[in-house]
Structures are given as structure tokens and as C-alpha cells.
Amino acid sequence: MSKTKTDQLVLFLMENHTELFKTPVSLIETVTKQLQTLQQGRDPDTTAAFTFCQQLTVEQYEEQRELATMKQLQQLIQDLTQNTTLHTGETDVKKKPVASNTGNPVCFHSSL
């Protein structure tokens, strides 16, 4: 970086240092809330400052996994059946009838 550019950068930083290095309001509010929790004698871990994830039981996880998978599979089936630009191959090969739905996943039964 040239001396002129360096001088301009330093000048800019000096003139705007209060605005550039100001503590974010959200951080101030979070720290204030945590301090109040401590002053009231409560456990600060019970009031999370930031929540990134929620712990699930194995049962909750399995239920959500199954529901989400079913929903996405049904959406895929719907998209495939409604998309007219996909080549179905019906002109080249006759469509084979499905003998039984017993081997197909549950999501196929509700969309057929």
C-alpha cells in the first residue's frame, strides 16, 4: 500500500474510531440481561443469550427425521408427476403396470 493510501486510511480510522469500534447494541443488551440474571441470584445458563440449536430426545429426532423425509419425498413425487418437460420414455417403452404397492415406501401410496 502506498504512503498516501496508508495516510488516508489512518486518517479515516482516527476520524471515525468512535463509530467504527462502537459496541453493538445487541451485545450491550445481552450482557445487561445476563448481569441482571446473576444479580437476582438465578442461574445464567437457564436464560441463554444466544440459541443456536435445541437438544432433542432420540424420539423427537426420529419423528422429525421421518416426517421431513416423507414430506420431501412427497414433494419430489409431486414435482416429477407435474413436470411436463421431463422425458417419460412412454413413446419408446410401454409403461409397465405396477403389480403391487406393497414393496413401495409409504410416501408413494399417498401420492398414487
PDB file of N, CA and C in Angstrom:
ATOM      1  N   MET A   1       0.855  -1.162   0.000  1.00  0.00           N
ATOM      2  CA  MET A   1       0.000   0.000   0.000  1.00  0.00           C
ATOM      3  C   MET A   1       0.904   1.229   0.000  1.00  0.00           C
ATOM      4  N   SER A   2       0.526   2.203  -0.794  1.00  0.00           N
ATOM      5  CA  SER A   2       1.352   3.408  -0.893  1.00  0.00           C
ATOM      6  C   SER A   2       1.221   4.259   0.366  1.00  0.00           C
ATOM      7  N   LYS A   3       2.176   5.134   0.552  1.00  0.00           N
ATOM      8  CA  LYS A   3       2.180   6.006   1.733  1.00  0.00           C
ATOM      9  C   LYS A   3       0.935   6.884   1.749  1.00  0.00           C
ATOM     10  N   THR A   4       0.534   7.373   0.597  1.00  0.00           N
ATOM     11  CA  THR A   4      -0.655   8.231   0.521  1.00  0.00           C
ATOM     12  C   THR A   4      -1.901   7.460   0.968  1.00  0.00           C
ATOM     13  N   LYS A   5      -2.038   6.236   0.457  1.00  0.00           N
ATOM     14  CA  LYS A   5      -3.199   5.413   0.831  1.00  0.00           C
ATOM     15  C   LYS A   5      -3.151   5.050   2.318  1.00  0.00           C
ATOM     16  N   THR A   6      -1.980   4.755   2.818  1.00  0.00           N
ATOM     17  CA  THR A   6      -1.828   4.441   4.238  1.00  0.00           C
ATOM     18  C   THR A   6      -2.209   5.635   5.099  1.00  0.00           C
ATOM     19  N   ASP A   7      -1.749   6.812   4.707  1.00  0.00           N
ATOM     20  CA  ASP A   7      -2.092   8.028   5.454  1.00  0.00           C
ATOM     21  C   ASP A   7      -3.590   8.285   5.429  1.00  0.00           C
ATOM     22  N   GLN A   8      -4.220   8.056   4.281  1.00  0.00           N
ATOM     23  CA  GLN A   8      -5.665   8.251   4.179  1.00  0.00           C
ATOM     24  C   GLN A   8      -6.418   7.260   5.073  1.00  0.00           C
ATOM     25  N   LEU A   9      -5.957   6.021   5.082  1.00  0.00           N
ATOM     26  CA  LEU A   9      -6.592   5.006   5.912  1.00  0.00           C
ATOM     27  C   LEU A   9      -6.471   5.347   7.391  1.00  0.00           C
ATOM     28  N   VAL A  10      -5.282   5.737   7.817  1.00  0.00           N
ATOM     29  CA  VAL A  10      -5.065   6.104   9.220  1.00  0.00           C
ATOM     30  C   VAL A  10      -5.911   7.314   9.588  1.00  0.00           C
ATOM     31  N   LEU A  11      -5.981   8.287   8.711  1.00  0.00           N
ATOM     32  CA  LEU A  11      -6.791   9.475   8.955  1.00  0.00           C
ATOM     33  C   LEU A  11      -8.268   9.107   9.085  1.00  0.00           C
ATOM     34  N   PHE A  12      -8.730   8.237   8.191  1.00  0.00           N
ATOM     35  CA  PHE A  12     -10.121   7.794   8.243  1.00  0.00           C
ATOM     36  C   PHE A  12     -10.407   7.070   9.565  1.00  0.00           C
ATOM     37  N   LEU A  13      -9.517   6.172   9.953  1.00  0.00           N
ATOM     38  CA  LEU A  13      -9.704   5.432  11.201  1.00  0.00           C
ATOM     39  C   LEU A  13      -9.700   6.355  12.417  1.00  0.00           C
ATOM     40  N   MET A  14      -8.826   7.342  12.412  1.00  0.00           N
ATOM     41  CA  MET A  14      -8.759   8.277  13.538  1.00  0.00           C
ATOM     42  C   MET A  14     -10.016   9.133  13.624  1.00  0.00           C
ATOM     43  N   GLU A  15     -10.521   9.572  12.487  1.00  0.00           N
ATOM     44  CA  GLU A  15     -11.708  10.427  12.484  1.00  0.00           C
ATOM     45  C   GLU A  15     -12.979   9.658  12.848  1.00  0.00           C
ATOM     46  N   ASN A  16     -13.022   8.379  12.526  1.00  0.00           N
ATOM     47  CA  ASN A  16     -14.251   7.607  12.708  1.00  0.00           C
ATOM     48  C   ASN A  16     -14.123   6.490  13.736  1.00  0.00           C
ATOM     49  N   HIS A  17     -13.112   6.557  14.580  1.00  0.00           N
ATOM     50  CA  HIS A  17     -12.872   5.454  15.507  1.00  0.00           C
ATOM     51  C   HIS A  17     -14.041   5.200  16.455  1.00  0.00           C
ATOM     52  N   THR A  18     -14.739   6.246  16.879  1.00  0.00           N
ATOM     53  CA  THR A  18     -15.849   6.025  17.813  1.00  0.00           C
ATOM     54  C   THR A  18     -16.992   5.258  17.145  1.00  0.00           C
ATOM     55  N   GLU A  19     -17.228   5.521  15.890  1.00  0.00           N
ATOM     56  CA  GLU A  19     -18.304   4.834  15.175  1.00  0.00           C
ATOM     57  C   GLU A  19     -17.871   3.439  14.734  1.00  0.00           C
ATOM     58  N   LEU A  20     -16.619   3.313  14.320  1.00  0.00           N
ATOM     59  CA  LEU A  20     -16.124   2.025  13.828  1.00  0.00           C
ATOM     60  C   LEU A  20     -15.986   0.981  14.927  1.00  0.00           C
ATOM     61  N   PHE A  21     -15.582   1.395  16.092  1.00  0.00           N
ATOM     62  CA  PHE A  21     -15.316   0.452  17.172  1.00  0.00           C
ATOM     63  C   PHE A  21     -16.364   0.515  18.280  1.00  0.00           C
ATOM     64  N   LYS A  22     -17.558   0.990  17.941  1.00  0.00           N
ATOM     65  CA  LYS A  22     -18.642   1.086  18.903  1.00  0.00           C
ATOM     66  C   LYS A  22     -19.168  -0.317  19.218  1.00  0.00           C
ATOM     67  N   THR A  23     -19.478  -0.544  20.489  1.00  0.00           N
ATOM     68  CA  THR A  23     -20.027  -1.836  20.913  1.00  0.00           C
ATOM     69  C   THR A  23     -21.451  -1.968  20.377  1.00  0.00           C
ATOM     70  N   PRO A  24     -21.770  -3.083  19.728  1.00  0.00           N
ATOM     71  CA  PRO A  24     -23.123  -3.280  19.192  1.00  0.00           C
ATOM     72  C   PRO A  24     -24.171  -3.246  20.299  1.00  0.00           C
ATOM     73  N   VAL A  25     -25.304  -2.655  19.989  1.00  0.00           N
ATOM     74  CA  VAL A  25     -26.399  -2.512  20.951  1.00  0.00           C
ATOM     75  C   VAL A  25     -26.887  -3.884  21.408  1.00  0.00           C
ATOM     76  N   SER A  26     -26.959  -4.832  20.506  1.00  0.00           N
ATOM     77  CA  SER A  26     -27.446  -6.165  20.872  1.00  0.00           C
ATOM     78  C   SER A  26     -26.534  -6.821  21.904  1.00  0.00           C
ATOM     79  N   LEU A  27     -25.223  -6.592  21.796  1.00  0.00           N
ATOM     80  CA  LEU A  27     -24.287  -7.146  22.772  1.00  0.00           C
ATOM     81  C   LEU A  27     -24.481  -6.485  24.135  1.00  0.00           C
ATOM     82  N   ILE A  28     -24.673  -5.176  24.146  1.00  0.00           N
ATOM     83  CA  ILE A  28     -24.909  -4.455  25.404  1.00  0.00           C
ATOM     84  C   ILE A  28     -26.167  -4.971  26.082  1.00  0.00           C
ATOM     85  N   GLU A  29     -27.233  -5.160  25.306  1.00  0.00           N
ATOM     86  CA  GLU A  29     -28.495  -5.655  25.869  1.00  0.00           C
ATOM     87  C   GLU A  29     -28.344  -7.070  26.421  1.00  0.00           C
ATOM     88  N   THR A  30     -27.618  -7.916  25.720  1.00  0.00           N
ATOM     89  CA  THR A  30     -27.425  -9.291  26.169  1.00  0.00           C
ATOM     90  C   THR A  30     -26.618  -9.339  27.457  1.00  0.00           C
ATOM     91  N   VAL A  31     -25.550  -8.575  27.521  1.00  0.00           N
ATOM     92  CA  VAL A  31     -24.719  -8.548  28.725  1.00  0.00           C
ATOM     93  C   VAL A  31     -25.519  -7.993  29.898  1.00  0.00           C
ATOM     94  N   THR A  32     -26.307  -6.939  29.660  1.00  0.00           N
ATOM     95  CA  THR A  32     -27.144  -6.359  30.716  1.00  0.00           C
ATOM     96  C   THR A  32     -28.127  -7.394  31.248  1.00  0.00           C
ATOM     97  N   LYS A  33     -28.751  -8.122  30.353  1.00  0.00           N
ATOM     98  CA  LYS A  33     -29.722  -9.139  30.756  1.00  0.00           C
ATOM     99  C   LYS A  33     -29.045 -10.244  31.571  1.00  0.00           C
ATOM    100  N   GLN A  34     -27.862 -10.662  31.143  1.00  0.00           N
ATOM    101  CA  GLN A  34     -27.138 -11.703  31.876  1.00  0.00           C
ATOM    102  C   GLN A  34     -26.709 -11.210  33.255  1.00  0.00           C
ATOM    103  N   LEU A  35     -26.268  -9.967  33.349  1.00  0.00           N
ATOM    104  CA  LEU A  35     -25.872  -9.408  34.646  1.00  0.00           C
ATOM    105  C   LEU A  35     -27.064  -9.310  35.593  1.00  0.00           C
ATOM    106  N   GLN A  36     -28.202  -8.901  35.077  1.00  0.00           N
ATOM    107  CA  GLN A  36     -29.406  -8.828  35.901  1.00  0.00           C
ATOM    108  C   GLN A  36     -29.786 -10.212  36.424  1.00  0.00           C
ATOM    109  N   THR A  37     -29.643 -11.224  35.574  1.00  0.00           N
ATOM    110  CA  THR A  37     -29.941 -12.595  35.979  1.00  0.00           C
ATOM    111  C   THR A  37     -29.032 -13.016  37.129  1.00  0.00           C
ATOM    112  N   LEU A  38     -27.750 -12.698  37.015  1.00  0.00           N
ATOM    113  CA  LEU A  38     -26.798 -13.026  38.077  1.00  0.00           C
ATOM    114  C   LEU A  38     -27.100 -12.270  39.365  1.00  0.00           C
ATOM    115  N   GLN A  39     -27.438 -10.981  39.234  1.00  0.00           N
ATOM    116  CA  GLN A  39     -27.735 -10.163  40.416  1.00  0.00           C
ATOM    117  C   GLN A  39     -28.984 -10.645  41.135  1.00  0.00           C
ATOM    118  N   GLN A  40     -29.898 -11.243  40.427  1.00  0.00           N
ATOM    119  CA  GLN A  40     -31.119 -11.756  41.032  1.00  0.00           C
ATOM    120  C   GLN A  40     -30.917 -13.151  41.614  1.00  0.00           C
ATOM    121  N   GLY A  41     -29.702 -13.680  41.479  1.00  0.00           N
ATOM    122  CA  GLY A  41     -29.396 -14.973  42.055  1.00  0.00           C
ATOM    123  C   GLY A  41     -29.863 -16.159  41.234  1.00  0.00           C
ATOM    124  N   ARG A  42     -30.268 -15.918  40.021  1.00  0.00           N
ATOM    125  CA  ARG A  42     -30.719 -17.015  39.162  1.00  0.00           C
ATOM    126  C   ARG A  42     -29.546 -17.575  38.370  1.00  0.00           C
ATOM    127  N   ASP A  43     -29.723 -18.775  37.871  1.00  0.00           N
ATOM    128  CA  ASP A  43     -28.699 -19.439  37.074  1.00  0.00           C
ATOM    129  C   ASP A  43     -28.659 -18.799  35.690  1.00  0.00           C
ATOM    130  N   PRO A  44     -27.526 -18.238  35.283  1.00  0.00           N
ATOM    131  CA  PRO A  44     -27.459 -17.575  33.974  1.00  0.00           C
ATOM    132  C   PRO A  44     -27.578 -18.551  32.808  1.00  0.00           C
ATOM    133  N   ASP A  45     -27.344 -19.833  33.059  1.00  0.00           N
ATOM    134  CA  ASP A  45     -27.452 -20.810  31.980  1.00  0.00           C
ATOM    135  C   ASP A  45     -28.902 -21.103  31.609  1.00  0.00           C
ATOM    136  N   THR A  46     -29.839 -20.772  32.491  1.00  0.00           N
ATOM    137  CA  THR A  46     -31.247 -21.024  32.175  1.00  0.00           C
ATOM    138  C   THR A  46     -31.793 -20.009  31.183  1.00  0.00           C
ATOM    139  N   THR A  47     -31.192 -18.836  31.130  1.00  0.00           N
ATOM    140  CA  THR A  47     -31.590 -17.835  30.140  1.00  0.00           C
ATOM    141  C   THR A  47     -30.448 -17.705  29.145  1.00  0.00           C
ATOM    142  N   ALA A  48     -30.569 -18.408  28.049  1.00  0.00           N
ATOM    143  CA  ALA A  48     -29.497 -18.429  27.055  1.00  0.00           C
ATOM    144  C   ALA A  48     -29.419 -17.083  26.332  1.00  0.00           C
ATOM    145  N   ALA A  49     -28.210 -16.605  26.190  1.00  0.00           N
ATOM    146  CA  ALA A  49     -28.000 -15.354  25.482  1.00  0.00           C
ATOM    147  C   ALA A  49     -28.201 -15.563  23.983  1.00  0.00           C
ATOM    148  N   PHE A  50     -27.666 -16.635  23.479  1.00  0.00           N
ATOM    149  CA  PHE A  50     -27.802 -16.966  22.065  1.00  0.00           C
ATOM    150  C   PHE A  50     -28.193 -18.426  21.963  1.00  0.00           C
ATOM    151  N   THR A  51     -29.132 -18.725  21.107  1.00  0.00           N
ATOM    152  CA  THR A  51     -29.558 -20.094  20.906  1.00  0.00           C
ATOM    153  C   THR A  51     -29.246 -20.497  19.477  1.00  0.00           C
ATOM    154  N   PHE A  52     -28.380 -21.474  19.336  1.00  0.00           N
ATOM    155  CA  PHE A  52     -28.015 -21.937  18.011  1.00  0.00           C
ATOM    156  C   PHE A  52     -28.721 -23.244  17.670  1.00  0.00           C
ATOM    157  N   CYS A  53     -29.022 -24.031  18.665  1.00  0.00           N
ATOM    158  CA  CYS A  53     -29.698 -25.290  18.425  1.00  0.00           C
ATOM    159  C   CYS A  53     -30.464 -25.690  19.679  1.00  0.00           C
ATOM    160  N   GLN A  54     -31.316 -26.659  19.492  1.00  0.00           N
ATOM    161  CA  GLN A  54     -32.112 -27.147  20.612  1.00  0.00           C
ATOM    162  C   GLN A  54     -31.860 -28.642  20.737  1.00  0.00           C
ATOM    163  N   GLN A  55     -31.583 -29.094  21.937  1.00  0.00           N
ATOM    164  CA  GLN A  55     -31.332 -30.514  22.151  1.00  0.00           C
ATOM    165  C   GLN A  55     -32.644 -31.271  22.063  1.00  0.00           C
ATOM    166  N   LEU A  56     -32.620 -32.382  21.343  1.00  0.00           N
ATOM    167  CA  LEU A  56     -33.797 -33.214  21.169  1.00  0.00           C
ATOM    168  C   LEU A  56     -33.560 -34.580  21.792  1.00  0.00           C
ATOM    169  N   THR A  57     -34.657 -35.205  22.176  1.00  0.00           N
ATOM    170  CA  THR A  57     -34.553 -36.599  22.590  1.00  0.00           C
ATOM    171  C   THR A  57     -34.430 -37.444  21.329  1.00  0.00           C
ATOM    172  N   VAL A  58     -34.042 -38.684  21.495  1.00  0.00           N
ATOM    173  CA  VAL A  58     -33.917 -39.586  20.347  1.00  0.00           C
ATOM    174  C   VAL A  58     -35.270 -39.747  19.665  1.00  0.00           C
ATOM    175  N   GLU A  59     -36.334 -39.832  20.447  1.00  0.00           N
ATOM    176  CA  GLU A  59     -37.681 -39.999  19.888  1.00  0.00           C
ATOM    177  C   GLU A  59     -38.076 -38.782  19.057  1.00  0.00           C
ATOM    178  N   GLN A  60     -37.801 -37.589  19.575  1.00  0.00           N
ATOM    179  CA  GLN A  60     -38.124 -36.364  18.835  1.00  0.00           C
ATOM    180  C   GLN A  60     -37.338 -36.301  17.532  1.00  0.00           C
ATOM    181  N   TYR A  61     -36.055 -36.662  17.599  1.00  0.00           N
ATOM    182  CA  TYR A  61     -35.222 -36.646  16.401  1.00  0.00           C
ATOM    183  C   TYR A  61     -35.768 -37.613  15.352  1.00  0.00           C
ATOM    184  N   GLU A  62     -36.070 -38.835  15.775  1.00  0.00           N
ATOM    185  CA  GLU A  62     -36.573 -39.848  14.833  1.00  0.00           C
ATOM    186  C   GLU A  62     -37.882 -39.399  14.200  1.00  0.00           C
ATOM    187  N   GLU A  63     -38.766 -38.808  14.995  1.00  0.00           N
ATOM    188  CA  GLU A  63     -40.053 -38.343  14.475  1.00  0.00           C
ATOM    189  C   GLU A  63     -39.851 -37.227  13.457  1.00  0.00           C
ATOM    190  N   GLN A  64     -39.014 -36.249  13.792  1.00  0.00           N
ATOM    191  CA  GLN A  64     -38.748 -35.151  12.866  1.00  0.00           C
ATOM    192  C   GLN A  64     -38.065 -35.644  11.599  1.00  0.00           C
ATOM    193  N   ARG A  65     -37.144 -36.583  11.755  1.00  0.00           N
ATOM    194  CA  ARG A  65     -36.434 -37.129  10.598  1.00  0.00           C
ATOM    195  C   ARG A  65     -37.405 -37.818   9.648  1.00  0.00           C
ATOM    196  N   GLU A  66     -38.282 -38.633  10.206  1.00  0.00           N
ATOM    197  CA  GLU A  66     -39.241 -39.364   9.387  1.00  0.00           C
ATOM    198  C   GLU A  66     -40.223 -38.414   8.701  1.00  0.00           C
ATOM    199  N   LEU A  67     -40.739 -37.452   9.453  1.00  0.00           N
ATOM    200  CA  LEU A  67     -41.690 -36.513   8.858  1.00  0.00           C
ATOM    201  C   LEU A  67     -41.048 -35.674   7.755  1.00  0.00           C
ATOM    202  N   ALA A  68     -39.839 -35.210   7.993  1.00  0.00           N
ATOM    203  CA  ALA A  68     -39.158 -34.385   6.993  1.00  0.00           C
ATOM    204  C   ALA A  68     -38.836 -35.200   5.743  1.00  0.00           C
ATOM    205  N   THR A  69     -38.421 -36.443   5.928  1.00  0.00           N
ATOM    206  CA  THR A  69     -38.112 -37.294   4.785  1.00  0.00           C
ATOM    207  C   THR A  69     -39.362 -37.561   3.968  1.00  0.00           C
ATOM    208  N   MET A  70     -40.451 -37.891   4.646  1.00  0.00           N
ATOM    209  CA  MET A  70     -41.716 -38.151   3.952  1.00  0.00           C
ATOM    210  C   MET A  70     -42.184 -36.921   3.184  1.00  0.00           C
ATOM    211  N   LYS A  71     -42.090 -35.777   3.818  1.00  0.00           N
ATOM    212  CA  LYS A  71     -42.534 -34.536   3.179  1.00  0.00           C
ATOM    213  C   LYS A  71     -41.711 -34.257   1.919  1.00  0.00           C
ATOM    214  N   GLN A  72     -40.394 -34.429   2.013  1.00  0.00           N
ATOM    215  CA  GLN A  72     -39.535 -34.162   0.861  1.00  0.00           C
ATOM    216  C   GLN A  72     -39.747 -35.188  -0.247  1.00  0.00           C
ATOM    217  N   LEU A  73     -39.959 -36.445   0.113  1.00  0.00           N
ATOM    218  CA  LEU A  73     -40.231 -37.468  -0.907  1.00  0.00           C
ATOM    219  C   LEU A  73     -41.557 -37.202  -1.611  1.00  0.00           C
ATOM    220  N   GLN A  74     -42.570 -36.804  -0.857  1.00  0.00           N
ATOM    221  CA  GLN A  74     -43.859 -36.479  -1.461  1.00  0.00           C
ATOM    222  C   GLN A  74     -43.739 -35.270  -2.384  1.00  0.00           C
ATOM    223  N   GLN A  75     -42.954 -34.281  -1.973  1.00  0.00           N
ATOM    224  CA  GLN A  75     -42.738 -33.110  -2.814  1.00  0.00           C
ATOM    225  C   GLN A  75     -42.011 -33.497  -4.103  1.00  0.00           C
ATOM    226  N   LEU A  76     -41.034 -34.395  -4.000  1.00  0.00           N
ATOM    227  CA  LEU A  76     -40.306 -34.866  -5.172  1.00  0.00           C
ATOM    228  C   LEU A  76     -41.231 -35.599  -6.129  1.00  0.00           C
ATOM    229  N   ILE A  77     -42.069 -36.481  -5.589  1.00  0.00           N
ATOM    230  CA  ILE A  77     -43.021 -37.214  -6.430  1.00  0.00           C
ATOM    231  C   ILE A  77     -43.969 -36.248  -7.125  1.00  0.00           C
ATOM    232  N   GLN A  78     -44.466 -35.265  -6.374  1.00  0.00           N
ATOM    233  CA  GLN A  78     -45.373 -34.281  -6.952  1.00  0.00           C
ATOM    234  C   GLN A  78     -44.683 -33.484  -8.058  1.00  0.00           C
ATOM    235  N   ASP A  79     -43.459 -33.070  -7.816  1.00  0.00           N
ATOM    236  CA  ASP A  79     -42.721 -32.313  -8.826  1.00  0.00           C
ATOM    237  C   ASP A  79     -42.468 -33.148 -10.069  1.00  0.00           C
ATOM    238  N   LEU A  80     -42.141 -34.419  -9.886  1.00  0.00           N
ATOM    239  CA  LEU A  80     -41.877 -35.289 -11.030  1.00  0.00           C
ATOM    240  C   LEU A  80     -43.139 -35.551 -11.847  1.00  0.00           C
ATOM    241  N   THR A  81     -44.263 -35.719 -11.173  1.00  0.00           N
ATOM    242  CA  THR A  81     -45.505 -36.002 -11.907  1.00  0.00           C
ATOM    243  C   THR A  81     -46.068 -34.755 -12.581  1.00  0.00           C
ATOM    244  N   GLN A  82     -45.780 -33.590 -12.060  1.00  0.00           N
ATOM    245  CA  GLN A  82     -46.317 -32.359 -12.643  1.00  0.00           C
ATOM    246  C   GLN A  82     -45.390 -31.733 -13.673  1.00  0.00           C
ATOM    247  N   ASN A  83     -44.134 -32.181 -13.742  1.00  0.00           N
ATOM    248  CA  ASN A  83     -43.171 -31.589 -14.660  1.00  0.00           C
ATOM    249  C   ASN A  83     -43.365 -32.196 -16.044  1.00  0.00           C
ATOM    250  N   THR A  84     -43.866 -31.404 -16.970  1.00  0.00           N
ATOM    251  CA  THR A  84     -44.133 -31.897 -18.316  1.00  0.00           C
ATOM    252  C   THR A  84     -42.897 -31.880 -19.205  1.00  0.00           C
ATOM    253  N   THR A  85     -41.831 -31.265 -18.759  1.00  0.00           N
ATOM    254  CA  THR A  85     -40.625 -31.202 -19.584  1.00  0.00           C
ATOM    255  C   THR A  85     -39.746 -32.426 -19.436  1.00  0.00           C
ATOM    256  N   LEU A  86     -40.024 -33.267 -18.430  1.00  0.00           N
ATOM    257  CA  LEU A  86     -39.241 -34.481 -18.258  1.00  0.00           C
ATOM    258  C   LEU A  86     -39.652 -35.516 -19.283  1.00  0.00           C
ATOM    259  N   HIS A  87     -38.678 -36.224 -19.826  1.00  0.00           N
ATOM    260  CA  HIS A  87     -38.959 -37.292 -20.771  1.00  0.00           C
ATOM    261  C   HIS A  87     -39.402 -38.520 -20.002  1.00  0.00           C
ATOM    262  N   THR A  88     -40.592 -39.009 -20.290  1.00  0.00           N
ATOM    263  CA  THR A  88     -41.110 -40.153 -19.547  1.00  0.00           C
ATOM    264  C   THR A  88     -40.715 -41.475 -20.164  1.00  0.00           C
ATOM    265  N   GLY A  89     -40.340 -41.474 -21.433  1.00  0.00           N
ATOM    266  CA  GLY A  89     -39.961 -42.717 -22.079  1.00  0.00           C
ATOM    267  C   GLY A  89     -41.154 -43.538 -22.525  1.00  0.00           C
ATOM    268  N   GLU A  90     -42.359 -43.009 -22.399  1.00  0.00           N
ATOM    269  CA  GLU A  90     -43.557 -43.755 -22.773  1.00  0.00           C
ATOM    270  C   GLU A  90     -43.620 -43.996 -24.270  1.00  0.00           C
ATOM    271  N   THR A  91     -42.998 -43.137 -25.061  1.00  0.00           N
ATOM    272  CA  THR A  91     -43.042 -43.338 -26.502  1.00  0.00           C
ATOM    273  C   THR A  91     -42.126 -44.470 -26.934  1.00  0.00           C
ATOM    274  N   ASP A  92     -41.053 -44.712 -26.188  1.00  0.00           N
ATOM    275  CA  ASP A  92     -40.103 -45.755 -26.544  1.00  0.00           C
ATOM    276  C   ASP A  92     -40.480 -47.100 -25.941  1.00  0.00           C
ATOM    277  N   VAL A  93     -40.892 -47.075 -24.720  1.00  0.00           N
ATOM    278  CA  VAL A  93     -41.195 -48.311 -23.994  1.00  0.00           C
ATOM    279  C   VAL A  93     -42.552 -48.145 -23.346  1.00  0.00           C
ATOM    280  N   LYS A  94     -43.388 -49.176 -23.479  1.00  0.00           N
ATOM    281  CA  LYS A  94     -44.705 -49.100 -22.845  1.00  0.00           C
ATOM    282  C   LYS A  94     -44.539 -49.094 -21.342  1.00  0.00           C
ATOM    283  N   LYS A  95     -45.394 -48.326 -20.713  1.00  0.00           N
ATOM    284  CA  LYS A  95     -45.342 -48.218 -19.256  1.00  0.00           C
ATOM    285  C   LYS A  95     -45.781 -49.527 -18.638  1.00  0.00           C
ATOM    286  N   LYS A  96     -44.960 -50.057 -17.733  1.00  0.00           N
ATOM    287  CA  LYS A  96     -45.279 -51.316 -17.072  1.00  0.00           C
ATOM    288  C   LYS A  96     -46.227 -51.055 -15.911  1.00  0.00           C
ATOM    289  N   PRO A  97     -47.293 -51.829 -15.802  1.00  0.00           N
ATOM    290  CA  PRO A  97     -48.182 -51.642 -14.648  1.00  0.00           C
ATOM    291  C   PRO A  97     -47.508 -52.135 -13.373  1.00  0.00           C
ATOM    292  N   VAL A  98     -47.813 -51.463 -12.297  1.00  0.00           N
ATOM    293  CA  VAL A  98     -47.257 -51.846 -11.005  1.00  0.00           C
ATOM    294  C   VAL A  98     -48.091 -52.988 -10.471  1.00  0.00           C
ATOM    295  N   ALA A  99     -47.445 -54.108 -10.213  1.00  0.00           N
ATOM    296  CA  ALA A  99     -48.166 -55.294  -9.767  1.00  0.00           C
ATOM    297  C   ALA A  99     -48.703 -55.131  -8.356  1.00  0.00           C
ATOM    298  N   SER A 100     -47.892 -54.551  -7.498  1.00  0.00           N
ATOM    299  CA  SER A 100     -48.301 -54.410  -6.111  1.00  0.00           C
ATOM    300  C   SER A 100     -47.591 -53.213  -5.508  1.00  0.00           C
ATOM    301  N   ASN A 101     -48.279 -52.509  -4.634  1.00  0.00           N
ATOM    302  CA  ASN A 101     -47.688 -51.369  -3.944  1.00  0.00           C
ATOM    303  C   ASN A 101     -47.043 -51.772  -2.631  1.00  0.00           C
ATOM    304  N   THR A 102     -47.028 -53.063  -2.327  1.00  0.00           N
ATOM    305  CA  THR A 102     -46.527 -53.479  -1.024  1.00  0.00           C
ATOM    306  C   THR A 102     -45.038 -53.231  -0.862  1.00  0.00           C
ATOM    307  N   GLY A 103     -44.277 -53.216  -1.957  1.00  0.00           N
ATOM    308  CA  GLY A 103     -42.839 -53.003  -1.855  1.00  0.00           C
ATOM    309  C   GLY A 103     -42.440 -51.547  -1.890  1.00  0.00           C
ATOM    310  N   ASN A 104     -43.393 -50.668  -2.146  1.00  0.00           N
ATOM    311  CA  ASN A 104     -43.083 -49.246  -2.254  1.00  0.00           C
ATOM    312  C   ASN A 104     -43.174 -48.552  -0.906  1.00  0.00           C
ATOM    313  N   PRO A 105     -42.357 -47.527  -0.697  1.00  0.00           N
ATOM    314  CA  PRO A 105     -42.454 -46.768   0.556  1.00  0.00           C
ATOM    315  C   PRO A 105     -43.832 -46.138   0.723  1.00  0.00           C
ATOM    316  N   VAL A 106     -44.173 -45.828   1.926  1.00  0.00           N
ATOM    317  CA  VAL A 106     -45.485 -45.289   2.268  1.00  0.00           C
ATOM    318  C   VAL A 106     -45.766 -43.990   1.497  1.00  0.00           C
ATOM    319  N   CYS A 107     -44.750 -43.183   1.267  1.00  0.00           N
ATOM    320  CA  CYS A 107     -44.977 -41.890   0.625  1.00  0.00           C
ATOM    321  C   CYS A 107     -45.545 -42.067  -0.788  1.00  0.00           C
ATOM    322  N   PHE A 108     -45.259 -43.218  -1.456  1.00  0.00           N
ATOM    323  CA  PHE A 108     -45.797 -43.439  -2.793  1.00  0.00           C
ATOM    324  C   PHE A 108     -47.289 -43.731  -2.740  1.00  0.00           C
ATOM    325  N   HIS A 109     -47.738 -44.393  -1.701  1.00  0.00           N
ATOM    326  CA  HIS A 109     -49.145 -44.770  -1.590  1.00  0.00           C
ATOM    327  C   HIS A 109     -50.047 -43.549  -1.509  1.00  0.00           C
ATOM    328  N   SER A 110     -49.622 -42.537  -0.799  1.00  0.00           N
ATOM    329  CA  SER A 110     -50.482 -41.369  -0.620  1.00  0.00           C
ATOM    330  C   SER A 110     -50.503 -40.492  -1.864  1.00  0.00           C
ATOM    331  N   SER A 111     -49.533 -40.653  -2.765  1.00  0.00           N
ATOM    332  CA  SER A 111     -49.500 -39.791  -3.943  1.00  0.00           C
ATOM    333  C   SER A 111     -50.069 -40.476  -5.167  1.00  0.00           C
ATOM    334  N   LEU A 112     -50.324 -41.796  -5.109  1.00  0.00           N
ATOM    335  CA  LEU A 112     -50.849 -42.507  -6.270  1.00  0.00           C
ATOM    336  C   LEU A 112     -52.335 -42.403  -6.363  1.00  0.00           C
TER     337      LEU A 112
END
